């Protein structure tokens, strides 16, 4: 249930950003990392941008995305977020 809530919150937050690369993204999945690590947000859709640039931009807005998650979930602690590209999105077309 938490992963689904985070997926919805991150999707909504990405849609509100004024960033042409991040606006093209959609959240494919959110999964728990092993041993209590950050939640892994898997994104797809930025085929016109280099993968390193996509991940760097996500890193720059990670605090904002985490704040949006905090407002969407009812938990004492807000999970940290990590990002990865969906398989097939590693190489721009």
C-alpha atoms as a PDB file:
ATOM      1  CA  UNK A   1       0.000   0.000   0.000  1.00  0.00           C
ATOM      2  CA  UNK A   2       2.829   2.443   0.829  1.00  0.00           C
ATOM      3  CA  UNK A   3       4.501   1.858  -2.542  1.00  0.00           C
ATOM      4  CA  UNK A   4       1.237   2.596  -4.355  1.00  0.00           C
ATOM      5  CA  UNK A   5       0.729   5.814  -2.361  1.00  0.00           C
ATOM      6  CA  UNK A   6       4.276   6.910  -3.139  1.00  0.00           C
ATOM      7  CA  UNK A   7       3.810   6.079  -6.828  1.00  0.00           C
ATOM      8  CA  UNK A   8       0.721   8.276  -7.021  1.00  0.00           C
ATOM      9  CA  UNK A   9       2.306  11.138  -5.065  1.00  0.00           C
ATOM     10  CA  UNK A  10       5.500  11.150  -7.155  1.00  0.00           C
ATOM     11  CA  UNK A  11       3.499  10.927 -10.393  1.00  0.00           C
ATOM     12  CA  UNK A  12       1.395  13.931  -9.402  1.00  0.00           C
ATOM     13  CA  UNK A  13       4.454  15.883  -8.272  1.00  0.00           C
ATOM     14  CA  UNK A  14       6.346  15.218 -11.516  1.00  0.00           C
ATOM     15  CA  UNK A  15       3.344  16.418 -13.508  1.00  0.00           C
ATOM     16  CA  UNK A  16       3.445  19.733 -11.623  1.00  0.00           C
ATOM     17  CA  UNK A  17       7.098  20.494 -12.397  1.00  0.00           C
ATOM     18  CA  UNK A  18       8.230  23.028 -14.977  1.00  0.00           C
ATOM     19  CA  UNK A  19      10.892  20.778 -16.493  1.00  0.00           C
ATOM     20  CA  UNK A  20      10.534  19.477 -20.032  1.00  0.00           C
ATOM     21  CA  UNK A  21      12.509  16.298 -19.301  1.00  0.00           C
ATOM     22  CA  UNK A  22      10.777  15.404 -16.049  1.00  0.00           C
ATOM     23  CA  UNK A  23       7.328  16.161 -17.458  1.00  0.00           C
ATOM     24  CA  UNK A  24       7.831  13.315 -19.941  1.00  0.00           C
ATOM     25  CA  UNK A  25       8.387  10.789 -17.165  1.00  0.00           C
ATOM     26  CA  UNK A  26       5.889   8.433 -15.673  1.00  0.00           C
ATOM     27  CA  UNK A  27       6.351   6.263 -12.619  1.00  0.00           C
ATOM     28  CA  UNK A  28       6.349   2.618 -13.645  1.00  0.00           C
ATOM     29  CA  UNK A  29       6.750   1.175 -10.155  1.00  0.00           C
ATOM     30  CA  UNK A  30       7.888   1.840  -6.625  1.00  0.00           C
ATOM     31  CA  UNK A  31       9.530  -0.940  -4.689  1.00  0.00           C
ATOM     32  CA  UNK A  32      11.028  -1.292  -1.259  1.00  0.00           C
ATOM     33  CA  UNK A  33      14.787  -1.609  -1.163  1.00  0.00           C
ATOM     34  CA  UNK A  34      16.243  -4.507   0.787  1.00  0.00           C
ATOM     35  CA  UNK A  35      17.146  -4.034   4.445  1.00  0.00           C
ATOM     36  CA  UNK A  36      15.066  -0.904   4.963  1.00  0.00           C
ATOM     37  CA  UNK A  37      16.808   1.245   2.366  1.00  0.00           C
ATOM     38  CA  UNK A  38      15.098   3.967   0.351  1.00  0.00           C
ATOM     39  CA  UNK A  39      12.073   3.269  -1.786  1.00  0.00           C
ATOM     40  CA  UNK A  40      13.147   2.803  -5.386  1.00  0.00           C
ATOM     41  CA  UNK A  41      11.080   4.850  -7.844  1.00  0.00           C
ATOM     42  CA  UNK A  42      11.311   3.357 -11.336  1.00  0.00           C
ATOM     43  CA  UNK A  43      10.573   5.888 -14.087  1.00  0.00           C
ATOM     44  CA  UNK A  44      10.209   5.696 -17.840  1.00  0.00           C
ATOM     45  CA  UNK A  45       9.554   8.019 -20.738  1.00  0.00           C
ATOM     46  CA  UNK A  46      12.502  10.390 -21.102  1.00  0.00           C
ATOM     47  CA  UNK A  47      13.881   8.866 -24.274  1.00  0.00           C
ATOM     48  CA  UNK A  48      15.026  12.212 -25.712  1.00  0.00           C
ATOM     49  CA  UNK A  49      17.324  12.923 -22.745  1.00  0.00           C
ATOM     50  CA  UNK A  50      20.513  11.202 -21.670  1.00  0.00           C
ATOM     51  CA  UNK A  51      19.908   8.834 -18.737  1.00  0.00           C
ATOM     52  CA  UNK A  52      22.530  10.581 -16.584  1.00  0.00           C
ATOM     53  CA  UNK A  53      20.740  13.896 -17.130  1.00  0.00           C
ATOM     54  CA  UNK A  54      17.379  12.386 -16.215  1.00  0.00           C
ATOM     55  CA  UNK A  55      18.758  10.930 -12.985  1.00  0.00           C
ATOM     56  CA  UNK A  56      20.567  14.187 -12.165  1.00  0.00           C
ATOM     57  CA  UNK A  57      17.367  16.183 -12.590  1.00  0.00           C
ATOM     58  CA  UNK A  58      15.481  13.713 -10.420  1.00  0.00           C
ATOM     59  CA  UNK A  59      18.200  14.083  -7.814  1.00  0.00           C
ATOM     60  CA  UNK A  60      17.779  17.861  -7.843  1.00  0.00           C
ATOM     61  CA  UNK A  61      14.043  17.605  -7.155  1.00  0.00           C
ATOM     62  CA  UNK A  62      14.241  14.652  -4.761  1.00  0.00           C
ATOM     63  CA  UNK A  63      13.600  16.864  -1.723  1.00  0.00           C
ATOM     64  CA  UNK A  64      10.486  18.322  -3.327  1.00  0.00           C
ATOM     65  CA  UNK A  65       9.261  14.868  -4.319  1.00  0.00           C
ATOM     66  CA  UNK A  66       9.844  13.559  -0.807  1.00  0.00           C
ATOM     67  CA  UNK A  67       7.909  16.509   0.646  1.00  0.00           C
ATOM     68  CA  UNK A  68       5.020  15.713  -1.694  1.00  0.00           C
ATOM     69  CA  UNK A  69       5.134  12.096  -0.550  1.00  0.00           C
ATOM     70  CA  UNK A  70       5.089  13.267   3.069  1.00  0.00           C
ATOM     71  CA  UNK A  71       1.888  15.201   2.476  1.00  0.00           C
ATOM     72  CA  UNK A  72       0.247  12.229   0.743  1.00  0.00           C
ATOM     73  CA  UNK A  73       0.975   9.456   3.225  1.00  0.00           C
ATOM     74  CA  UNK A  74       0.117   8.997   6.861  1.00  0.00           C
ATOM     75  CA  UNK A  75       3.340   7.771   8.384  1.00  0.00           C
ATOM     76  CA  UNK A  76       5.537   9.024  11.138  1.00  0.00           C
ATOM     77  CA  UNK A  77       8.661   8.787   8.967  1.00  0.00           C
ATOM     78  CA  UNK A  78       8.842   9.669   5.322  1.00  0.00           C
ATOM     79  CA  UNK A  79      10.887   7.197   3.301  1.00  0.00           C
ATOM     80  CA  UNK A  80      13.937   8.314   1.377  1.00  0.00           C
ATOM     81  CA  UNK A  81      13.620   7.981  -2.390  1.00  0.00           C
ATOM     82  CA  UNK A  82      16.054   6.559  -4.929  1.00  0.00           C
ATOM     83  CA  UNK A  83      15.481   6.649  -8.680  1.00  0.00           C
ATOM     84  CA  UNK A  84      16.225   4.330 -11.547  1.00  0.00           C
ATOM     85  CA  UNK A  85      15.235   4.111 -15.171  1.00  0.00           C
ATOM     86  CA  UNK A  86      12.987   1.319 -16.371  1.00  0.00           C
ATOM     87  CA  UNK A  87      14.670  -1.358 -18.470  1.00  0.00           C
ATOM     88  CA  UNK A  88      14.917  -0.130 -22.054  1.00  0.00           C
ATOM     89  CA  UNK A  89      15.206   3.534 -21.034  1.00  0.00           C
ATOM     90  CA  UNK A  90      18.928   3.376 -20.343  1.00  0.00           C
ATOM     91  CA  UNK A  91      19.885   4.409 -23.885  1.00  0.00           C
ATOM     92  CA  UNK A  92      18.198   7.361 -25.559  1.00  0.00           C
ATOM     93  CA  UNK A  93      16.571   6.609 -28.909  1.00  0.00           C
END
